[in-house]
Amino acid sequence: MNELTLTLFEGEVKDIINVLGQMPTQSNAWPLMQKVIAQLQAQVPQQPAADASAPVAEAPAQAQ
């Protein structure tokens, strides 16, 4: 089988992943979905997780 390269926007790839995730288990779409997710994660920079030890800014108290 030939390997193909597709050019899609991030949102389009996420839509494909959502559709694959909704398919019945018997369709065996899970391995394909995992492959698409792996390629998405490799190409899109991940957002750093919020540091749990960092202080959280509180909203100013409202005057009463």
PDB file of N, CA and C in Angstrom:
ATOM      1  N   MET A   1       0.841  -1.172   0.000  1.00  0.00           N
ATOM      2  CA  MET A   1       0.000   0.000   0.000  1.00  0.00           C
ATOM      3  C   MET A   1       0.890   1.239   0.000  1.00  0.00           C
ATOM      4  N   ASN A   2       0.516   2.252  -0.759  1.00  0.00           N
ATOM      5  CA  ASN A   2       1.286   3.491  -0.819  1.00  0.00           C
ATOM      6  C   ASN A   2       0.940   4.409   0.336  1.00  0.00           C
ATOM      7  N   GLU A   3       1.944   5.076   0.866  1.00  0.00           N
ATOM      8  CA  GLU A   3       1.733   6.053   1.920  1.00  0.00           C
ATOM      9  C   GLU A   3       1.423   7.400   1.279  1.00  0.00           C
ATOM     10  N   LEU A   4       0.410   8.095   1.796  1.00  0.00           N
ATOM     11  CA  LEU A   4       0.000   9.388   1.266  1.00  0.00           C
ATOM     12  C   LEU A   4       0.203  10.481   2.303  1.00  0.00           C
ATOM     13  N   THR A   5       0.401  11.684   1.834  1.00  0.00           N
ATOM     14  CA  THR A   5       0.492  12.846   2.712  1.00  0.00           C
ATOM     15  C   THR A   5      -0.674  13.763   2.385  1.00  0.00           C
ATOM     16  N   LEU A   6      -1.470  14.099   3.393  1.00  0.00           N
ATOM     17  CA  LEU A   6      -2.602  14.999   3.220  1.00  0.00           C
ATOM     18  C   LEU A   6      -2.292  16.311   3.919  1.00  0.00           C
ATOM     19  N   THR A   7      -2.767  17.408   3.370  1.00  0.00           N
ATOM     20  CA  THR A   7      -2.593  18.705   3.999  1.00  0.00           C
ATOM     21  C   THR A   7      -3.966  19.174   4.472  1.00  0.00           C
ATOM     22  N   LEU A   8      -4.131  19.229   5.797  1.00  0.00           N
ATOM     23  CA  LEU A   8      -5.398  19.611   6.402  1.00  0.00           C
ATOM     24  C   LEU A   8      -5.142  20.623   7.511  1.00  0.00           C
ATOM     25  N   PHE A   9      -6.142  21.431   7.817  1.00  0.00           N
ATOM     26  CA  PHE A   9      -6.045  22.328   8.960  1.00  0.00           C
ATOM     27  C   PHE A   9      -6.268  21.527  10.239  1.00  0.00           C
ATOM     28  N   GLU A  10      -5.734  22.039  11.349  1.00  0.00           N
ATOM     29  CA  GLU A  10      -5.848  21.354  12.638  1.00  0.00           C
ATOM     30  C   GLU A  10      -7.304  21.045  12.974  1.00  0.00           C
ATOM     31  N   GLY A  11      -8.190  21.991  12.748  1.00  0.00           N
ATOM     32  CA  GLY A  11      -9.612  21.782  13.050  1.00  0.00           C
ATOM     33  C   GLY A  11     -10.220  20.662  12.218  1.00  0.00           C
ATOM     34  N   GLU A  12      -9.792  20.552  10.977  1.00  0.00           N
ATOM     35  CA  GLU A  12     -10.284  19.483  10.110  1.00  0.00           C
ATOM     36  C   GLU A  12      -9.834  18.116  10.618  1.00  0.00           C
ATOM     37  N   VAL A  13      -8.595  18.042  11.066  1.00  0.00           N
ATOM     38  CA  VAL A  13      -8.078  16.775  11.604  1.00  0.00           C
ATOM     39  C   VAL A  13      -8.837  16.404  12.875  1.00  0.00           C
ATOM     40  N   LYS A  14      -9.107  17.396  13.725  1.00  0.00           N
ATOM     41  CA  LYS A  14      -9.870  17.125  14.950  1.00  0.00           C
ATOM     42  C   LYS A  14     -11.284  16.660  14.618  1.00  0.00           C
ATOM     43  N   ASP A  15     -11.886  17.207  13.555  1.00  0.00           N
ATOM     44  CA  ASP A  15     -13.210  16.753  13.127  1.00  0.00           C
ATOM     45  C   ASP A  15     -13.151  15.292  12.674  1.00  0.00           C
ATOM     46  N   ILE A  16     -12.111  14.935  11.937  1.00  0.00           N
ATOM     47  CA  ILE A  16     -11.948  13.546  11.488  1.00  0.00           C
ATOM     48  C   ILE A  16     -11.805  12.623  12.691  1.00  0.00           C
ATOM     49  N   ILE A  17     -11.016  13.045  13.676  1.00  0.00           N
ATOM     50  CA  ILE A  17     -10.828  12.241  14.886  1.00  0.00           C
ATOM     51  C   ILE A  17     -12.163  12.048  15.601  1.00  0.00           C
ATOM     52  N   ASN A  18     -12.969  13.115  15.683  1.00  0.00           N
ATOM     53  CA  ASN A  18     -14.277  13.002  16.334  1.00  0.00           C
ATOM     54  C   ASN A  18     -15.183  12.020  15.604  1.00  0.00           C
ATOM     55  N   VAL A  19     -15.184  12.062  14.280  1.00  0.00           N
ATOM     56  CA  VAL A  19     -16.016  11.140  13.498  1.00  0.00           C
ATOM     57  C   VAL A  19     -15.540   9.707  13.692  1.00  0.00           C
ATOM     58  N   LEU A  20     -14.229   9.503  13.657  1.00  0.00           N
ATOM     59  CA  LEU A  20     -13.693   8.153  13.865  1.00  0.00           C
ATOM     60  C   LEU A  20     -14.048   7.636  15.257  1.00  0.00           C
ATOM     61  N   GLY A  21     -14.033   8.532  16.248  1.00  0.00           N
ATOM     62  CA  GLY A  21     -14.359   8.129  17.610  1.00  0.00           C
ATOM     63  C   GLY A  21     -15.808   7.739  17.789  1.00  0.00           C
ATOM     64  N   GLN A  22     -16.690   8.208  16.915  1.00  0.00           N
ATOM     65  CA  GLN A  22     -18.114   7.895  17.004  1.00  0.00           C
ATOM     66  C   GLN A  22     -18.482   6.617  16.264  1.00  0.00           C
ATOM     67  N   MET A  23     -17.546   6.079  15.518  1.00  0.00           N
ATOM     68  CA  MET A  23     -17.840   4.877  14.735  1.00  0.00           C
ATOM     69  C   MET A  23     -17.956   3.666  15.662  1.00  0.00           C
ATOM     70  N   PRO A  24     -18.771   2.705  15.265  1.00  0.00           N
ATOM     71  CA  PRO A  24     -18.928   1.499  16.088  1.00  0.00           C
ATOM     72  C   PRO A  24     -17.604   0.745  16.230  1.00  0.00           C
ATOM     73  N   THR A  25     -17.455   0.067  17.331  1.00  0.00           N
ATOM     74  CA  THR A  25     -16.241  -0.691  17.607  1.00  0.00           C
ATOM     75  C   THR A  25     -15.962  -1.706  16.511  1.00  0.00           C
ATOM     76  N   GLN A  26     -16.988  -2.304  15.973  1.00  0.00           N
ATOM     77  CA  GLN A  26     -16.798  -3.338  14.944  1.00  0.00           C
ATOM     78  C   GLN A  26     -16.176  -2.800  13.669  1.00  0.00           C
ATOM     79  N   SER A  27     -16.201  -1.461  13.474  1.00  0.00           N
ATOM     80  CA  SER A  27     -15.602  -0.878  12.273  1.00  0.00           C
ATOM     81  C   SER A  27     -14.079  -0.880  12.349  1.00  0.00           C
ATOM     82  N   ASN A  28     -13.538  -1.114  13.555  1.00  0.00           N
ATOM     83  CA  ASN A  28     -12.091  -1.167  13.784  1.00  0.00           C
ATOM     84  C   ASN A  28     -11.413   0.159  13.420  1.00  0.00           C
ATOM     85  N   ALA A  29     -12.091   1.280  13.697  1.00  0.00           N
ATOM     86  CA  ALA A  29     -11.537   2.600  13.400  1.00  0.00           C
ATOM     87  C   ALA A  29     -10.538   3.052  14.464  1.00  0.00           C
ATOM     88  N   TRP A  30     -10.526   2.396  15.623  1.00  0.00           N
ATOM     89  CA  TRP A  30      -9.662   2.817  16.732  1.00  0.00           C
ATOM     90  C   TRP A  30      -8.186   2.908  16.336  1.00  0.00           C
ATOM     91  N   PRO A  31      -7.596   1.898  15.691  1.00  0.00           N
ATOM     92  CA  PRO A  31      -6.174   2.014  15.317  1.00  0.00           C
ATOM     93  C   PRO A  31      -5.907   3.190  14.372  1.00  0.00           C
ATOM     94  N   LEU A  32      -6.819   3.419  13.445  1.00  0.00           N
ATOM     95  CA  LEU A  32      -6.667   4.548  12.528  1.00  0.00           C
ATOM     96  C   LEU A  32      -6.757   5.870  13.295  1.00  0.00           C
ATOM     97  N   MET A  33      -7.706   5.966  14.211  1.00  0.00           N
ATOM     98  CA  MET A  33      -7.857   7.176  15.018  1.00  0.00           C
ATOM     99  C   MET A  33      -6.589   7.442  15.832  1.00  0.00           C
ATOM    100  N   GLN A  34      -6.012   6.408  16.416  1.00  0.00           N
ATOM    101  CA  GLN A  34      -4.787   6.560  17.204  1.00  0.00           C
ATOM    102  C   GLN A  34      -3.623   7.034  16.330  1.00  0.00           C
ATOM    103  N   LYS A  35      -3.560   6.553  15.104  1.00  0.00           N
ATOM    104  CA  LYS A  35      -2.503   6.966  14.180  1.00  0.00           C
ATOM    105  C   LYS A  35      -2.661   8.440  13.815  1.00  0.00           C
ATOM    106  N   VAL A  36      -3.900   8.873  13.569  1.00  0.00           N
ATOM    107  CA  VAL A  36      -4.156  10.279  13.235  1.00  0.00           C
ATOM    108  C   VAL A  36      -3.831  11.166  14.436  1.00  0.00           C
ATOM    109  N   ILE A  37      -4.218  10.747  15.633  1.00  0.00           N
ATOM    110  CA  ILE A  37      -3.918  11.518  16.847  1.00  0.00           C
ATOM    111  C   ILE A  37      -2.418  11.657  17.039  1.00  0.00           C
ATOM    112  N   ALA A  38      -1.671  10.577  16.830  1.00  0.00           N
ATOM    113  CA  ALA A  38      -0.214  10.620  16.997  1.00  0.00           C
ATOM    114  C   ALA A  38       0.421  11.612  16.026  1.00  0.00           C
ATOM    115  N   GLN A  39      -0.071  11.625  14.791  1.00  0.00           N
ATOM    116  CA  GLN A  39       0.483  12.551  13.812  1.00  0.00           C
ATOM    117  C   GLN A  39       0.096  13.993  14.134  1.00  0.00           C
ATOM    118  N   LEU A  40      -1.127  14.190  14.634  1.00  0.00           N
ATOM    119  CA  LEU A  40      -1.556  15.532  15.049  1.00  0.00           C
ATOM    120  C   LEU A  40      -0.666  16.044  16.176  1.00  0.00           C
ATOM    121  N   GLN A  41      -0.442  15.210  17.183  1.00  0.00           N
ATOM    122  CA  GLN A  41       0.376  15.618  18.334  1.00  0.00           C
ATOM    123  C   GLN A  41       1.825  15.889  17.927  1.00  0.00           C
ATOM    124  N   ALA A  42       2.318  15.181  16.940  1.00  0.00           N
ATOM    125  CA  ALA A  42       3.696  15.379  16.498  1.00  0.00           C
ATOM    126  C   ALA A  42       3.865  16.696  15.738  1.00  0.00           C
ATOM    127  N   GLN A  43       2.787  17.201  15.140  1.00  0.00           N
ATOM    128  CA  GLN A  43       2.893  18.386  14.303  1.00  0.00           C
ATOM    129  C   GLN A  43       2.394  19.668  14.961  1.00  0.00           C
ATOM    130  N   VAL A  44       1.587  19.550  15.998  1.00  0.00           N
ATOM    131  CA  VAL A  44       1.012  20.728  16.648  1.00  0.00           C
ATOM    132  C   VAL A  44       1.678  20.905  18.001  1.00  0.00           C
ATOM    133  N   PRO A  45       2.244  22.078  18.261  1.00  0.00           N
ATOM    134  CA  PRO A  45       2.859  22.306  19.570  1.00  0.00           C
ATOM    135  C   PRO A  45       1.831  22.168  20.681  1.00  0.00           C
ATOM    136  N   GLN A  46       2.208  21.463  21.717  1.00  0.00           N
ATOM    137  CA  GLN A  46       1.307  21.256  22.841  1.00  0.00           C
ATOM    138  C   GLN A  46       1.302  22.476  23.750  1.00  0.00           C
ATOM    139  N   GLN A  47       0.123  22.816  24.280  1.00  0.00           N
ATOM    140  CA  GLN A  47       0.006  23.897  25.243  1.00  0.00           C
ATOM    141  C   GLN A  47       0.593  23.406  26.561  1.00  0.00           C
ATOM    142  N   PRO A  48       1.468  24.196  27.194  1.00  0.00           N
ATOM    143  CA  PRO A  48       2.001  23.750  28.483  1.00  0.00           C
ATOM    144  C   PRO A  48       0.882  23.697  29.519  1.00  0.00           C
ATOM    145  N   ALA A  49       0.913  22.675  30.333  1.00  0.00           N
ATOM    146  CA  ALA A  49      -0.085  22.540  31.390  1.00  0.00           C
ATOM    147  C   ALA A  49       0.146  23.631  32.429  1.00  0.00           C
ATOM    148  N   ALA A  50      -0.933  24.099  33.028  1.00  0.00           N
ATOM    149  CA  ALA A  50      -0.816  25.121  34.067  1.00  0.00           C
ATOM    150  C   ALA A  50      -0.045  24.539  35.249  1.00  0.00           C
ATOM    151  N   ASP A  51       0.872  25.309  35.780  1.00  0.00           N
ATOM    152  CA  ASP A  51       1.678  24.873  36.914  1.00  0.00           C
ATOM    153  C   ASP A  51       0.826  24.932  38.173  1.00  0.00           C
ATOM    154  N   ALA A  52       0.565  23.783  38.757  1.00  0.00           N
ATOM    155  CA  ALA A  52      -0.297  23.709  39.936  1.00  0.00           C
ATOM    156  C   ALA A  52       0.318  24.416  41.136  1.00  0.00           C
ATOM    157  N   SER A  53       1.653  24.572  41.145  1.00  0.00           N
ATOM    158  CA  SER A  53       2.294  25.209  42.294  1.00  0.00           C
ATOM    159  C   SER A  53       2.335  26.726  42.161  1.00  0.00           C
ATOM    160  N   ALA A  54       1.995  27.229  40.976  1.00  0.00           N
ATOM    161  CA  ALA A  54       2.020  28.680  40.768  1.00  0.00           C
ATOM    162  C   ALA A  54       0.809  29.311  41.440  1.00  0.00           C
ATOM    163  N   PRO A  55       1.018  30.494  42.035  1.00  0.00           N
ATOM    164  CA  PRO A  55      -0.125  31.150  42.681  1.00  0.00           C
ATOM    165  C   PRO A  55      -1.154  31.577  41.642  1.00  0.00           C
ATOM    166  N   VAL A  56      -2.400  31.469  42.018  1.00  0.00           N
ATOM    167  CA  VAL A  56      -3.495  31.838  41.120  1.00  0.00           C
ATOM    168  C   VAL A  56      -3.936  33.247  41.480  1.00  0.00           C
ATOM    169  N   ALA A  57      -4.017  34.096  40.470  1.00  0.00           N
ATOM    170  CA  ALA A  57      -4.454  35.467  40.711  1.00  0.00           C
ATOM    171  C   ALA A  57      -5.933  35.469  41.042  1.00  0.00           C
ATOM    172  N   GLU A  58      -6.304  36.193  42.066  1.00  0.00           N
ATOM    173  CA  GLU A  58      -7.706  36.281  42.443  1.00  0.00           C
ATOM    174  C   GLU A  58      -8.309  37.546  41.886  1.00  0.00           C
ATOM    175  N   ALA A  59      -9.595  37.479  41.595  1.00  0.00           N
ATOM    176  CA  ALA A  59     -10.296  38.670  41.116  1.00  0.00           C
ATOM    177  C   ALA A  59     -10.406  39.667  42.261  1.00  0.00           C
ATOM    178  N   PRO A  60     -10.273  40.963  41.946  1.00  0.00           N
ATOM    179  CA  PRO A  60     -10.402  41.956  43.002  1.00  0.00           C
ATOM    180  C   PRO A  60     -11.771  41.916  43.634  1.00  0.00           C
ATOM    181  N   ALA A  61     -11.825  42.170  44.934  1.00  0.00           N
ATOM    182  CA  ALA A  61     -13.101  42.184  45.645  1.00  0.00           C
ATOM    183  C   ALA A  61     -13.929  43.366  45.171  1.00  0.00           C
ATOM    184  N   GLN A  62     -15.214  43.124  45.017  1.00  0.00           N
ATOM    185  CA  GLN A  62     -16.095  44.199  44.597  1.00  0.00           C
ATOM    186  C   GLN A  62     -16.529  45.042  45.788  1.00  0.00           C
ATOM    187  N   ALA A  63     -16.654  46.355  45.579  1.00  0.00           N
ATOM    188  CA  ALA A  63     -17.110  47.244  46.641  1.00  0.00           C
ATOM    189  C   ALA A  63     -18.571  46.955  46.932  1.00  0.00           C
ATOM    190  N   GLN A  64     -18.914  47.004  48.206  1.00  0.00           N
ATOM    191  CA  GLN A  64     -20.302  46.718  48.585  1.00  0.00           C
ATOM    192  C   GLN A  64     -21.025  47.945  49.025  1.00  0.00           C
TER     193      GLN A  64
END
